[in-house]
């Protein structure tokens, strides 16, 4: 993946086990718990291009969130703010090699950002 590619989509759910059964049956997604990410099952579409997670719904997370891979979260958050966006979640570690954050665009859409790579990949 490269800067600007959509790399991940989180779907907020009330019950991750029920949602896993629902989406697995409906779309044929391969949904599995990943070591180190318990309670956050990861899904992969049959074409293996799209993937994401089933995240517990919270007050601030009620709609699907797409994540865009970027070279520098710090740079993108600064530019998004200059262009009228607002940081929703500041840069936070996923593991020792990757980070995530999110911002809200001027129209109120929340967009996630991903930088790095998740341990154990490529």
PDB file of N, CA and C in Angstrom:
ATOM      1  N   UNK A   1       0.837  -1.172   0.000  1.00  0.00           N
ATOM      2  CA  UNK A   1       0.000   0.000   0.000  1.00  0.00           C
ATOM      3  C   UNK A   1       0.886   1.242   0.000  1.00  0.00           C
ATOM      4  N   UNK A   2       0.307   2.333  -0.456  1.00  0.00           N
ATOM      5  CA  UNK A   2       1.064   3.573  -0.565  1.00  0.00           C
ATOM      6  C   UNK A   2       0.263   4.743  -0.007  1.00  0.00           C
ATOM      7  N   UNK A   3       0.933   5.870   0.148  1.00  0.00           N
ATOM      8  CA  UNK A   3       0.302   7.081   0.653  1.00  0.00           C
ATOM      9  C   UNK A   3      -0.984   7.358  -0.132  1.00  0.00           C
ATOM     10  N   UNK A   4      -2.081   7.470   0.581  1.00  0.00           N
ATOM     11  CA  UNK A   4      -3.374   7.761  -0.030  1.00  0.00           C
ATOM     12  C   UNK A   4      -4.264   6.561  -0.268  1.00  0.00           C
ATOM     13  N   UNK A   5      -3.733   5.342  -0.126  1.00  0.00           N
ATOM     14  CA  UNK A   5      -4.551   4.141  -0.309  1.00  0.00           C
ATOM     15  C   UNK A   5      -5.462   3.928   0.903  1.00  0.00           C
ATOM     16  N   UNK A   6      -6.690   3.505   0.657  1.00  0.00           N
ATOM     17  CA  UNK A   6      -7.573   3.101   1.752  1.00  0.00           C
ATOM     18  C   UNK A   6      -7.135   1.704   2.155  1.00  0.00           C
ATOM     19  N   UNK A   7      -6.790   1.544   3.445  1.00  0.00           N
ATOM     20  CA  UNK A   7      -6.185   0.284   3.881  1.00  0.00           C
ATOM     21  C   UNK A   7      -7.034  -0.524   4.847  1.00  0.00           C
ATOM     22  N   UNK A   8      -8.063   0.092   5.422  1.00  0.00           N
ATOM     23  CA  UNK A   8      -8.768  -0.577   6.516  1.00  0.00           C
ATOM     24  C   UNK A   8     -10.115   0.108   6.723  1.00  0.00           C
ATOM     25  N   UNK A   9     -11.117  -0.649   7.107  1.00  0.00           N
ATOM     26  CA  UNK A   9     -12.425  -0.086   7.425  1.00  0.00           C
ATOM     27  C   UNK A   9     -12.908  -0.715   8.727  1.00  0.00           C
ATOM     28  N   UNK A  10     -13.182   0.138   9.727  1.00  0.00           N
ATOM     29  CA  UNK A  10     -13.753  -0.323  10.990  1.00  0.00           C
ATOM     30  C   UNK A  10     -15.272  -0.184  10.930  1.00  0.00           C
ATOM     31  N   UNK A  11     -15.958  -1.192  11.418  1.00  0.00           N
ATOM     32  CA  UNK A  11     -17.418  -1.168  11.502  1.00  0.00           C
ATOM     33  C   UNK A  11     -17.783  -1.240  12.981  1.00  0.00           C
ATOM     34  N   UNK A  12     -18.461  -0.196  13.507  1.00  0.00           N
ATOM     35  CA  UNK A  12     -18.834  -0.226  14.919  1.00  0.00           C
ATOM     36  C   UNK A  12     -20.016  -1.168  15.145  1.00  0.00           C
ATOM     37  N   UNK A  13     -19.908  -2.014  16.150  1.00  0.00           N
ATOM     38  CA  UNK A  13     -20.950  -3.001  16.421  1.00  0.00           C
ATOM     39  C   UNK A  13     -21.219  -3.092  17.922  1.00  0.00           C
ATOM     40  N   UNK A  14     -22.426  -3.516  18.273  1.00  0.00           N
ATOM     41  CA  UNK A  14     -22.788  -3.690  19.682  1.00  0.00           C
ATOM     42  C   UNK A  14     -22.265  -5.006  20.236  1.00  0.00           C
ATOM     43  N   UNK A  15     -22.206  -6.042  19.398  1.00  0.00           N
ATOM     44  CA  UNK A  15     -21.794  -7.379  19.825  1.00  0.00           C
ATOM     45  C   UNK A  15     -20.869  -7.950  18.751  1.00  0.00           C
ATOM     46  N   UNK A  16     -19.573  -8.023  19.037  1.00  0.00           N
ATOM     47  CA  UNK A  16     -18.613  -8.458  18.019  1.00  0.00           C
ATOM     48  C   UNK A  16     -18.843  -9.902  17.574  1.00  0.00           C
ATOM     49  N   UNK A  17     -19.307 -10.759  18.471  1.00  0.00           N
ATOM     50  CA  UNK A  17     -19.545 -12.155  18.088  1.00  0.00           C
ATOM     51  C   UNK A  17     -20.743 -12.275  17.151  1.00  0.00           C
ATOM     52  N   UNK A  18     -21.830 -11.579  17.463  1.00  0.00           N
ATOM     53  CA  UNK A  18     -23.016 -11.593  16.593  1.00  0.00           C
ATOM     54  C   UNK A  18     -22.682 -10.951  15.247  1.00  0.00           C
ATOM     55  N   UNK A  19     -21.934  -9.860  15.273  1.00  0.00           N
ATOM     56  CA  UNK A  19     -21.566  -9.186  14.027  1.00  0.00           C
ATOM     57  C   UNK A  19     -20.654 -10.064  13.182  1.00  0.00           C
ATOM     58  N   UNK A  20     -19.755 -10.809  13.827  1.00  0.00           N
ATOM     59  CA  UNK A  20     -18.887 -11.727  13.092  1.00  0.00           C
ATOM     60  C   UNK A  20     -19.709 -12.770  12.347  1.00  0.00           C
ATOM     61  N   UNK A  21     -20.698 -13.330  13.023  1.00  0.00           N
ATOM     62  CA  UNK A  21     -21.576 -14.313  12.373  1.00  0.00           C
ATOM     63  C   UNK A  21     -22.355 -13.660  11.224  1.00  0.00           C
ATOM     64  N   UNK A  22     -22.895 -12.463  11.470  1.00  0.00           N
ATOM     65  CA  UNK A  22     -23.698 -11.761  10.474  1.00  0.00           C
ATOM     66  C   UNK A  22     -22.892 -11.487   9.201  1.00  0.00           C
ATOM     67  N   UNK A  23     -21.751 -10.799   9.335  1.00  0.00           N
ATOM     68  CA  UNK A  23     -20.963 -10.426   8.159  1.00  0.00           C
ATOM     69  C   UNK A  23     -20.281 -11.623   7.504  1.00  0.00           C
ATOM     70  N   UNK A  24     -19.878 -12.590   8.305  1.00  0.00           N
ATOM     71  CA  UNK A  24     -19.281 -13.791   7.739  1.00  0.00           C
ATOM     72  C   UNK A  24     -20.265 -14.544   6.860  1.00  0.00           C
ATOM     73  N   UNK A  25     -21.501 -14.655   7.334  1.00  0.00           N
ATOM     74  CA  UNK A  25     -22.542 -15.342   6.573  1.00  0.00           C
ATOM     75  C   UNK A  25     -23.003 -14.513   5.377  1.00  0.00           C
ATOM     76  N   UNK A  26     -23.243 -13.236   5.599  1.00  0.00           N
ATOM     77  CA  UNK A  26     -23.788 -12.364   4.561  1.00  0.00           C
ATOM     78  C   UNK A  26     -22.835 -12.180   3.386  1.00  0.00           C
ATOM     79  N   UNK A  27     -21.565 -11.889   3.664  1.00  0.00           N
ATOM     80  CA  UNK A  27     -20.612 -11.554   2.611  1.00  0.00           C
ATOM     81  C   UNK A  27     -19.525 -12.597   2.377  1.00  0.00           C
ATOM     82  N   UNK A  28     -19.480 -13.637   3.212  1.00  0.00           N
ATOM     83  CA  UNK A  28     -18.426 -14.634   3.071  1.00  0.00           C
ATOM     84  C   UNK A  28     -17.074 -14.130   3.548  1.00  0.00           C
ATOM     85  N   UNK A  29     -17.088 -13.113   4.420  1.00  0.00           N
ATOM     86  CA  UNK A  29     -15.828 -12.580   4.941  1.00  0.00           C
ATOM     87  C   UNK A  29     -15.178 -13.582   5.879  1.00  0.00           C
ATOM     88  N   UNK A  30     -13.865 -13.673   5.805  1.00  0.00           N
ATOM     89  CA  UNK A  30     -13.078 -14.446   6.757  1.00  0.00           C
ATOM     90  C   UNK A  30     -12.863 -13.538   7.962  1.00  0.00           C
ATOM     91  N   UNK A  31     -13.433 -13.901   9.105  1.00  0.00           N
ATOM     92  CA  UNK A  31     -13.364 -13.067  10.303  1.00  0.00           C
ATOM     93  C   UNK A  31     -12.702 -13.867  11.411  1.00  0.00           C
ATOM     94  N   UNK A  32     -11.600 -13.321  11.941  1.00  0.00           N
ATOM     95  CA  UNK A  32     -10.848 -14.036  12.959  1.00  0.00           C
ATOM     96  C   UNK A  32     -10.294 -13.083  13.999  1.00  0.00           C
ATOM     97  N   UNK A  33     -10.179 -13.590  15.221  1.00  0.00           N
ATOM     98  CA  UNK A  33      -9.466 -12.864  16.272  1.00  0.00           C
ATOM     99  C   UNK A  33      -7.979 -12.947  15.948  1.00  0.00           C
ATOM    100  N   UNK A  34      -7.281 -11.855  16.140  1.00  0.00           N
ATOM    101  CA  UNK A  34      -5.846 -11.799  15.885  1.00  0.00           C
ATOM    102  C   UNK A  34      -5.141 -11.666  17.230  1.00  0.00           C
ATOM    103  N   UNK A  35      -4.115 -12.488  17.491  1.00  0.00           N
ATOM    104  CA  UNK A  35      -3.397 -12.361  18.762  1.00  0.00           C
ATOM    105  C   UNK A  35      -2.934 -10.918  18.987  1.00  0.00           C
ATOM    106  N   UNK A  36      -3.179 -10.429  20.181  1.00  0.00           N
ATOM    107  CA  UNK A  36      -2.831  -9.061  20.530  1.00  0.00           C
ATOM    108  C   UNK A  36      -3.956  -8.079  20.296  1.00  0.00           C
ATOM    109  N   UNK A  37      -5.012  -8.510  19.613  1.00  0.00           N
ATOM    110  CA  UNK A  37      -6.150  -7.648  19.327  1.00  0.00           C
ATOM    111  C   UNK A  37      -7.446  -8.329  19.765  1.00  0.00           C
ATOM    112  N   UNK A  38      -7.428  -8.974  20.930  1.00  0.00           N
ATOM    113  CA  UNK A  38      -8.590  -9.701  21.428  1.00  0.00           C
ATOM    114  C   UNK A  38      -9.789  -8.749  21.560  1.00  0.00           C
ATOM    115  N   UNK A  39     -10.974  -9.246  21.226  1.00  0.00           N
ATOM    116  CA  UNK A  39     -12.186  -8.447  21.291  1.00  0.00           C
ATOM    117  C   UNK A  39     -12.365  -7.514  20.104  1.00  0.00           C
ATOM    118  N   UNK A  40     -11.487  -7.638  19.123  1.00  0.00           N
ATOM    119  CA  UNK A  40     -11.523  -6.821  17.907  1.00  0.00           C
ATOM    120  C   UNK A  40     -11.264  -7.737  16.721  1.00  0.00           C
ATOM    121  N   UNK A  41     -12.282  -8.538  16.334  1.00  0.00           N
ATOM    122  CA  UNK A  41     -12.067  -9.466  15.217  1.00  0.00           C
ATOM    123  C   UNK A  41     -11.812  -8.712  13.915  1.00  0.00           C
ATOM    124  N   UNK A  42     -10.869  -9.225  13.157  1.00  0.00           N
ATOM    125  CA  UNK A  42     -10.483  -8.619  11.883  1.00  0.00           C
ATOM    126  C   UNK A  42     -11.153  -9.379  10.749  1.00  0.00           C
ATOM    127  N   UNK A  43     -11.622  -8.643   9.742  1.00  0.00           N
ATOM    128  CA  UNK A  43     -12.269  -9.275   8.599  1.00  0.00           C
ATOM    129  C   UNK A  43     -11.465  -9.037   7.331  1.00  0.00           C
ATOM    130  N   UNK A  44     -11.606  -9.974   6.410  1.00  0.00           N
ATOM    131  CA  UNK A  44     -10.970  -9.880   5.114  1.00  0.00           C
ATOM    132  C   UNK A  44     -11.994 -10.278   4.064  1.00  0.00           C
ATOM    133  N   UNK A  45     -12.149  -9.440   3.053  1.00  0.00           N
ATOM    134  CA  UNK A  45     -13.076  -9.739   1.969  1.00  0.00           C
ATOM    135  C   UNK A  45     -12.506 -10.868   1.110  1.00  0.00           C
ATOM    136  N   UNK A  46     -13.364 -11.572   0.360  1.00  0.00           N
ATOM    137  CA  UNK A  46     -12.874 -12.682  -0.460  1.00  0.00           C
ATOM    138  C   UNK A  46     -11.767 -12.297  -1.441  1.00  0.00           C
ATOM    139  N   UNK A  47     -11.776 -11.055  -1.938  1.00  0.00           N
ATOM    140  CA  UNK A  47     -10.744 -10.651  -2.890  1.00  0.00           C
ATOM    141  C   UNK A  47      -9.420 -10.312  -2.216  1.00  0.00           C
ATOM    142  N   UNK A  48      -9.391 -10.343  -0.883  1.00  0.00           N
ATOM    143  CA  UNK A  48      -8.202 -10.072  -0.058  1.00  0.00           C
ATOM    144  C   UNK A  48      -7.671  -8.651  -0.233  1.00  0.00           C
ATOM    145  N   UNK A  49      -8.394  -7.795  -0.969  1.00  0.00           N
ATOM    146  CA  UNK A  49      -7.989  -6.405  -1.130  1.00  0.00           C
ATOM    147  C   UNK A  49      -8.508  -5.570   0.033  1.00  0.00           C
ATOM    148  N   UNK A  50      -9.753  -5.792   0.397  1.00  0.00           N
ATOM    149  CA  UNK A  50     -10.379  -5.023   1.470  1.00  0.00           C
ATOM    150  C   UNK A  50     -10.304  -5.776   2.784  1.00  0.00           C
ATOM    151  N   UNK A  51     -10.192  -5.033   3.867  1.00  0.00           N
ATOM    152  CA  UNK A  51     -10.188  -5.637   5.184  1.00  0.00           C
ATOM    153  C   UNK A  51     -10.466  -4.589   6.233  1.00  0.00           C
ATOM    154  N   UNK A  52     -10.682  -5.063   7.445  1.00  0.00           N
ATOM    155  CA  UNK A  52     -10.949  -4.138   8.524  1.00  0.00           C
ATOM    156  C   UNK A  52     -11.210  -4.869   9.808  1.00  0.00           C
ATOM    157  N   UNK A  53     -11.930  -4.222  10.691  1.00  0.00           N
ATOM    158  CA  UNK A  53     -12.218  -4.806  11.983  1.00  0.00           C
ATOM    159  C   UNK A  53     -13.645  -4.523  12.404  1.00  0.00           C
ATOM    160  N   UNK A  54     -14.118  -5.325  13.359  1.00  0.00           N
ATOM    161  CA  UNK A  54     -15.421  -5.112  13.985  1.00  0.00           C
ATOM    162  C   UNK A  54     -15.132  -4.551  15.366  1.00  0.00           C
ATOM    163  N   UNK A  55     -15.319  -3.254  15.511  1.00  0.00           N
ATOM    164  CA  UNK A  55     -14.933  -2.551  16.728  1.00  0.00           C
ATOM    165  C   UNK A  55     -16.143  -2.302  17.615  1.00  0.00           C
ATOM    166  N   UNK A  56     -15.992  -2.455  18.928  1.00  0.00           N
ATOM    167  CA  UNK A  56     -17.105  -2.148  19.828  1.00  0.00           C
ATOM    168  C   UNK A  56     -17.576  -0.710  19.645  1.00  0.00           C
ATOM    169  N   UNK A  57     -18.865  -0.541  19.498  1.00  0.00           N
ATOM    170  CA  UNK A  57     -19.471   0.782  19.332  1.00  0.00           C
ATOM    171  C   UNK A  57     -19.252   1.587  20.601  1.00  0.00           C
ATOM    172  N   UNK A  58     -18.995   2.878  20.439  1.00  0.00           N
ATOM    173  CA  UNK A  58     -18.851   3.775  21.578  1.00  0.00           C
ATOM    174  C   UNK A  58     -19.550   5.088  21.256  1.00  0.00           C
ATOM    175  N   UNK A  59     -19.618   5.976  22.235  1.00  0.00           N
ATOM    176  CA  UNK A  59     -20.293   7.251  22.028  1.00  0.00           C
ATOM    177  C   UNK A  59     -19.729   8.020  20.842  1.00  0.00           C
ATOM    178  N   UNK A  60     -18.428   7.998  20.670  1.00  0.00           N
ATOM    179  CA  UNK A  60     -17.815   8.749  19.587  1.00  0.00           C
ATOM    180  C   UNK A  60     -17.612   7.960  18.317  1.00  0.00           C
ATOM    181  N   UNK A  61     -18.011   6.700  18.296  1.00  0.00           N
ATOM    182  CA  UNK A  61     -17.763   5.852  17.132  1.00  0.00           C
ATOM    183  C   UNK A  61     -19.037   5.103  16.793  1.00  0.00           C
ATOM    184  N   UNK A  62     -19.855   5.695  15.935  1.00  0.00           N
ATOM    185  CA  UNK A  62     -21.163   5.127  15.628  1.00  0.00           C
ATOM    186  C   UNK A  62     -21.372   4.862  14.140  1.00  0.00           C
ATOM    187  N   UNK A  63     -20.400   5.217  13.292  1.00  0.00           N
ATOM    188  CA  UNK A  63     -20.514   4.988  11.849  1.00  0.00           C
ATOM    189  C   UNK A  63     -19.213   4.362  11.357  1.00  0.00           C
ATOM    190  N   UNK A  64     -19.246   3.596  10.258  1.00  0.00           N
ATOM    191  CA  UNK A  64     -18.013   3.014   9.741  1.00  0.00           C
ATOM    192  C   UNK A  64     -16.954   4.088   9.504  1.00  0.00           C
ATOM    193  N   UNK A  65     -15.700   3.719   9.743  1.00  0.00           N
ATOM    194  CA  UNK A  65     -14.575   4.643   9.570  1.00  0.00           C
ATOM    195  C   UNK A  65     -13.564   4.000   8.625  1.00  0.00           C
ATOM    196  N   UNK A  66     -13.276   4.667   7.507  1.00  0.00           N
ATOM    197  CA  UNK A  66     -12.244   4.214   6.586  1.00  0.00           C
ATOM    198  C   UNK A  66     -10.910   4.795   7.011  1.00  0.00           C
ATOM    199  N   UNK A  67      -9.843   4.028   6.825  1.00  0.00           N
ATOM    200  CA  UNK A  67      -8.501   4.464   7.161  1.00  0.00           C
ATOM    201  C   UNK A  67      -7.681   4.617   5.888  1.00  0.00           C
ATOM    202  N   UNK A  68      -6.966   5.725   5.797  1.00  0.00           N
ATOM    203  CA  UNK A  68      -6.119   6.017   4.659  1.00  0.00           C
ATOM    204  C   UNK A  68      -4.670   5.902   5.115  1.00  0.00           C
ATOM    205  N   UNK A  69      -3.864   5.151   4.366  1.00  0.00           N
ATOM    206  CA  UNK A  69      -2.449   5.040   4.688  1.00  0.00           C
ATOM    207  C   UNK A  69      -1.740   6.326   4.279  1.00  0.00           C
ATOM    208  N   UNK A  70      -0.886   6.830   5.161  1.00  0.00           N
ATOM    209  CA  UNK A  70      -0.149   8.061   4.888  1.00  0.00           C
ATOM    210  C   UNK A  70       1.318   7.881   5.266  1.00  0.00           C
ATOM    211  N   UNK A  71       2.160   8.722   4.693  1.00  0.00           N
ATOM    212  CA  UNK A  71       3.582   8.686   5.021  1.00  0.00           C
ATOM    213  C   UNK A  71       3.845   9.275   6.405  1.00  0.00           C
ATOM    214  N   UNK A  72       3.063  10.306   6.792  1.00  0.00           N
ATOM    215  CA  UNK A  72       3.255  10.957   8.080  1.00  0.00           C
ATOM    216  C   UNK A  72       1.911  11.429   8.627  1.00  0.00           C
ATOM    217  N   UNK A  73       1.438  10.794   9.684  1.00  0.00           N
ATOM    218  CA  UNK A  73       0.194  11.225  10.331  1.00  0.00           C
ATOM    219  C   UNK A  73       0.330  12.660  10.822  1.00  0.00           C
ATOM    220  N   UNK A  74       1.485  12.990  11.403  1.00  0.00           N
ATOM    221  CA  UNK A  74       1.678  14.353  11.913  1.00  0.00           C
ATOM    222  C   UNK A  74       1.474  15.388  10.814  1.00  0.00           C
ATOM    223  N   UNK A  75       2.072  15.158   9.647  1.00  0.00           N
ATOM    224  CA  UNK A  75       1.946  16.095   8.538  1.00  0.00           C
ATOM    225  C   UNK A  75       0.504  16.184   8.031  1.00  0.00           C
ATOM    226  N   UNK A  76      -0.159  15.049   7.913  1.00  0.00           N
ATOM    227  CA  UNK A  76      -1.524  15.042   7.388  1.00  0.00           C
ATOM    228  C   UNK A  76      -2.488  15.714   8.368  1.00  0.00           C
ATOM    229  N   UNK A  77      -2.335  15.454   9.676  1.00  0.00           N
ATOM    230  CA  UNK A  77      -3.212  16.116  10.649  1.00  0.00           C
ATOM    231  C   UNK A  77      -3.002  17.627  10.625  1.00  0.00           C
ATOM    232  N   UNK A  78      -1.761  18.068  10.500  1.00  0.00           N
ATOM    233  CA  UNK A  78      -1.484  19.507  10.435  1.00  0.00           C
ATOM    234  C   UNK A  78      -2.129  20.120   9.193  1.00  0.00           C
ATOM    235  N   UNK A  79      -1.995  19.451   8.060  1.00  0.00           N
ATOM    236  CA  UNK A  79      -2.577  19.971   6.827  1.00  0.00           C
ATOM    237  C   UNK A  79      -4.097  19.933   6.878  1.00  0.00           C
ATOM    238  N   UNK A  80      -4.671  18.855   7.421  1.00  0.00           N
ATOM    239  CA  UNK A  80      -6.134  18.762   7.534  1.00  0.00           C
ATOM    240  C   UNK A  80      -6.677  19.917   8.376  1.00  0.00           C
ATOM    241  N   UNK A  81      -5.978  20.245   9.461  1.00  0.00           N
ATOM    242  CA  UNK A  81      -6.389  21.351  10.326  1.00  0.00           C
ATOM    243  C   UNK A  81      -6.306  22.677   9.574  1.00  0.00           C
ATOM    244  N   UNK A  82      -5.226  22.879   8.821  1.00  0.00           N
ATOM    245  CA  UNK A  82      -5.080  24.099   8.029  1.00  0.00           C
ATOM    246  C   UNK A  82      -6.192  24.241   6.989  1.00  0.00           C
ATOM    247  N   UNK A  83      -6.688  23.114   6.493  1.00  0.00           N
ATOM    248  CA  UNK A  83      -7.731  23.133   5.465  1.00  0.00           C
ATOM    249  C   UNK A  83      -9.151  23.171   6.041  1.00  0.00           C
ATOM    250  N   UNK A  84      -9.272  23.274   7.366  1.00  0.00           N
ATOM    251  CA  UNK A  84     -10.594  23.402   7.979  1.00  0.00           C
ATOM    252  C   UNK A  84     -11.089  22.168   8.689  1.00  0.00           C
ATOM    253  N   UNK A  85     -10.262  21.122   8.729  1.00  0.00           N
ATOM    254  CA  UNK A  85     -10.640  19.912   9.455  1.00  0.00           C
ATOM    255  C   UNK A  85     -10.314  20.047  10.933  1.00  0.00           C
ATOM    256  N   UNK A  86     -10.665  19.013  11.687  1.00  0.00           N
ATOM    257  CA  UNK A  86     -10.430  19.007  13.135  1.00  0.00           C
ATOM    258  C   UNK A  86      -9.941  17.627  13.560  1.00  0.00           C
ATOM    259  N   UNK A  87      -8.893  17.580  14.357  1.00  0.00           N
ATOM    260  CA  UNK A  87      -8.377  16.309  14.852  1.00  0.00           C
ATOM    261  C   UNK A  87      -9.400  15.702  15.802  1.00  0.00           C
ATOM    262  N   UNK A  88      -9.807  14.468  15.563  1.00  0.00           N
ATOM    263  CA  UNK A  88     -10.737  13.761  16.445  1.00  0.00           C
ATOM    264  C   UNK A  88      -9.955  12.920  17.438  1.00  0.00           C
ATOM    265  N   UNK A  89      -9.043  12.087  16.922  1.00  0.00           N
ATOM    266  CA  UNK A  89      -8.196  11.242  17.764  1.00  0.00           C
ATOM    267  C   UNK A  89      -6.743  11.487  17.385  1.00  0.00           C
ATOM    268  N   UNK A  90      -5.908  11.945  18.313  1.00  0.00           N
ATOM    269  CA  UNK A  90      -4.514  12.215  17.985  1.00  0.00           C
ATOM    270  C   UNK A  90      -3.747  10.926  17.669  1.00  0.00           C
ATOM    271  N   UNK A  91      -2.587  11.087  17.101  1.00  0.00           N
ATOM    272  CA  UNK A  91      -1.728   9.950  16.744  1.00  0.00           C
ATOM    273  C   UNK A  91      -1.503   9.066  17.963  1.00  0.00           C
ATOM    274  N   UNK A  92      -1.797   7.771  17.797  1.00  0.00           N
ATOM    275  CA  UNK A  92      -1.671   6.795  18.881  1.00  0.00           C
ATOM    276  C   UNK A  92      -1.020   5.530  18.342  1.00  0.00           C
ATOM    277  N   UNK A  93      -0.214   4.855  19.170  1.00  0.00           N
ATOM    278  CA  UNK A  93       0.440   3.632  18.689  1.00  0.00           C
ATOM    279  C   UNK A  93      -0.541   2.462  18.582  1.00  0.00           C
ATOM    280  N   UNK A  94      -0.329   1.667  17.547  1.00  0.00           N
ATOM    281  CA  UNK A  94      -0.989   0.363  17.426  1.00  0.00           C
ATOM    282  C   UNK A  94      -0.041  -0.678  17.999  1.00  0.00           C
ATOM    283  N   UNK A  95       1.198  -0.607  17.575  1.00  0.00           N
ATOM    284  CA  UNK A  95       2.285  -1.440  18.085  1.00  0.00           C
ATOM    285  C   UNK A  95       3.575  -0.660  17.870  1.00  0.00           C
ATOM    286  N   UNK A  96       4.718  -1.313  17.957  1.00  0.00           N
ATOM    287  CA  UNK A  96       5.980  -0.587  17.868  1.00  0.00           C
ATOM    288  C   UNK A  96       6.315  -0.092  16.465  1.00  0.00           C
ATOM    289  N   UNK A  97       5.560  -0.481  15.441  1.00  0.00           N
ATOM    290  CA  UNK A  97       5.873  -0.093  14.069  1.00  0.00           C
ATOM    291  C   UNK A  97       4.738   0.631  13.353  1.00  0.00           C
ATOM    292  N   UNK A  98       3.640   0.919  14.058  1.00  0.00           N
ATOM    293  CA  UNK A  98       2.520   1.546  13.367  1.00  0.00           C
ATOM    294  C   UNK A  98       1.688   2.402  14.319  1.00  0.00           C
ATOM    295  N   UNK A  99       0.996   3.377  13.715  1.00  0.00           N
ATOM    296  CA  UNK A  99       0.195   4.337  14.469  1.00  0.00           C
ATOM    297  C   UNK A  99      -1.112   4.597  13.732  1.00  0.00           C
ATOM    298  N   UNK A 100      -2.078   5.173  14.468  1.00  0.00           N
ATOM    299  CA  UNK A 100      -3.337   5.558  13.863  1.00  0.00           C
ATOM    300  C   UNK A 100      -3.808   6.861  14.479  1.00  0.00           C
ATOM    301  N   UNK A 101      -4.729   7.523  13.792  1.00  0.00           N
ATOM    302  CA  UNK A 101      -5.323   8.776  14.245  1.00  0.00           C
ATOM    303  C   UNK A 101      -6.586   8.979  13.425  1.00  0.00           C
ATOM    304  N   UNK A 102      -7.356  10.017  13.743  1.00  0.00           N
ATOM    305  CA  UNK A 102      -8.477  10.361  12.879  1.00  0.00           C
ATOM    306  C   UNK A 102      -8.741  11.855  12.956  1.00  0.00           C
ATOM    307  N   UNK A 103      -9.395  12.341  11.905  1.00  0.00           N
ATOM    308  CA  UNK A 103      -9.806  13.737  11.854  1.00  0.00           C
ATOM    309  C   UNK A 103     -11.209  13.809  11.282  1.00  0.00           C
ATOM    310  N   UNK A 104     -11.846  14.946  11.474  1.00  0.00           N
ATOM    311  CA  UNK A 104     -13.165  15.206  10.900  1.00  0.00           C
ATOM    312  C   UNK A 104     -12.978  16.269   9.834  1.00  0.00           C
ATOM    313  N   UNK A 105     -13.491  16.005   8.635  1.00  0.00           N
ATOM    314  CA  UNK A 105     -13.360  16.974   7.554  1.00  0.00           C
ATOM    315  C   UNK A 105     -14.365  18.117   7.747  1.00  0.00           C
ATOM    316  N   UNK A 106     -14.296  19.176   6.932  1.00  0.00           N
ATOM    317  CA  UNK A 106     -15.205  20.311   7.119  1.00  0.00           C
ATOM    318  C   UNK A 106     -16.693  19.956   6.993  1.00  0.00           C
ATOM    319  N   UNK A 107     -17.012  18.800   6.390  1.00  0.00           N
ATOM    320  CA  UNK A 107     -18.405  18.368   6.266  1.00  0.00           C
ATOM    321  C   UNK A 107     -18.845  17.427   7.370  1.00  0.00           C
ATOM    322  N   UNK A 108     -17.962  17.147   8.345  1.00  0.00           N
ATOM    323  CA  UNK A 108     -18.322  16.302   9.472  1.00  0.00           C
ATOM    324  C   UNK A 108     -18.027  14.827   9.301  1.00  0.00           C
ATOM    325  N   UNK A 109     -17.331  14.432   8.226  1.00  0.00           N
ATOM    326  CA  UNK A 109     -16.980  13.031   8.004  1.00  0.00           C
ATOM    327  C   UNK A 109     -15.702  12.685   8.747  1.00  0.00           C
ATOM    328  N   UNK A 110     -15.720  11.585   9.500  1.00  0.00           N
ATOM    329  CA  UNK A 110     -14.517  11.151  10.194  1.00  0.00           C
ATOM    330  C   UNK A 110     -13.709  10.221   9.297  1.00  0.00           C
ATOM    331  N   UNK A 111     -12.421  10.532   9.150  1.00  0.00           N
ATOM    332  CA  UNK A 111     -11.506   9.750   8.333  1.00  0.00           C
ATOM    333  C   UNK A 111     -10.360   9.287   9.227  1.00  0.00           C
ATOM    334  N   UNK A 112     -10.055   7.993   9.192  1.00  0.00           N
ATOM    335  CA  UNK A 112      -8.945   7.458   9.950  1.00  0.00           C
ATOM    336  C   UNK A 112      -7.663   7.517   9.151  1.00  0.00           C
ATOM    337  N   UNK A 113      -6.544   7.573   9.850  1.00  0.00           N
ATOM    338  CA  UNK A 113      -5.223   7.575   9.224  1.00  0.00           C
ATOM    339  C   UNK A 113      -4.397   6.426   9.786  1.00  0.00           C
ATOM    340  N   UNK A 114      -3.571   5.829   8.939  1.00  0.00           N
ATOM    341  CA  UNK A 114      -2.679   4.743   9.334  1.00  0.00           C
ATOM    342  C   UNK A 114      -1.288   5.045   8.817  1.00  0.00           C
ATOM    343  N   UNK A 115      -0.283   4.867   9.676  1.00  0.00           N
ATOM    344  CA  UNK A 115       1.122   5.050   9.302  1.00  0.00           C
ATOM    345  C   UNK A 115       1.920   3.849   9.801  1.00  0.00           C
ATOM    346  N   UNK A 116       2.778   3.307   8.947  1.00  0.00           N
ATOM    347  CA  UNK A 116       3.654   2.218   9.367  1.00  0.00           C
ATOM    348  C   UNK A 116       3.211   0.884   8.838  1.00  0.00           C
ATOM    349  N   UNK A 117       3.503  -0.134   9.626  1.00  0.00           N
ATOM    350  CA  UNK A 117       3.054  -1.489   9.305  1.00  0.00           C
ATOM    351  C   UNK A 117       2.800  -2.207  10.616  1.00  0.00           C
ATOM    352  N   UNK A 118       1.858  -3.106  10.596  1.00  0.00           N
ATOM    353  CA  UNK A 118       1.540  -3.878  11.795  1.00  0.00           C
ATOM    354  C   UNK A 118       2.574  -4.977  11.946  1.00  0.00           C
ATOM    355  N   UNK A 119       3.092  -5.181  13.134  1.00  0.00           N
ATOM    356  CA  UNK A 119       4.096  -6.225  13.396  1.00  0.00           C
ATOM    357  C   UNK A 119       3.648  -7.555  12.820  1.00  0.00           C
ATOM    358  N   UNK A 120       4.581  -8.258  12.217  1.00  0.00           N
ATOM    359  CA  UNK A 120       4.278  -9.577  11.662  1.00  0.00           C
ATOM    360  C   UNK A 120       3.882  -9.525  10.207  1.00  0.00           C
ATOM    361  N   UNK A 121       3.667  -8.324   9.639  1.00  0.00           N
ATOM    362  CA  UNK A 121       3.345  -8.207   8.220  1.00  0.00           C
ATOM    363  C   UNK A 121       4.604  -7.863   7.461  1.00  0.00           C
ATOM    364  N   UNK A 122       4.654  -8.327   6.217  1.00  0.00           N
ATOM    365  CA  UNK A 122       5.695  -8.012   5.252  1.00  0.00           C
ATOM    366  C   UNK A 122       6.930  -7.593   5.853  1.00  0.00           C
TER     367      UNK A 122
END
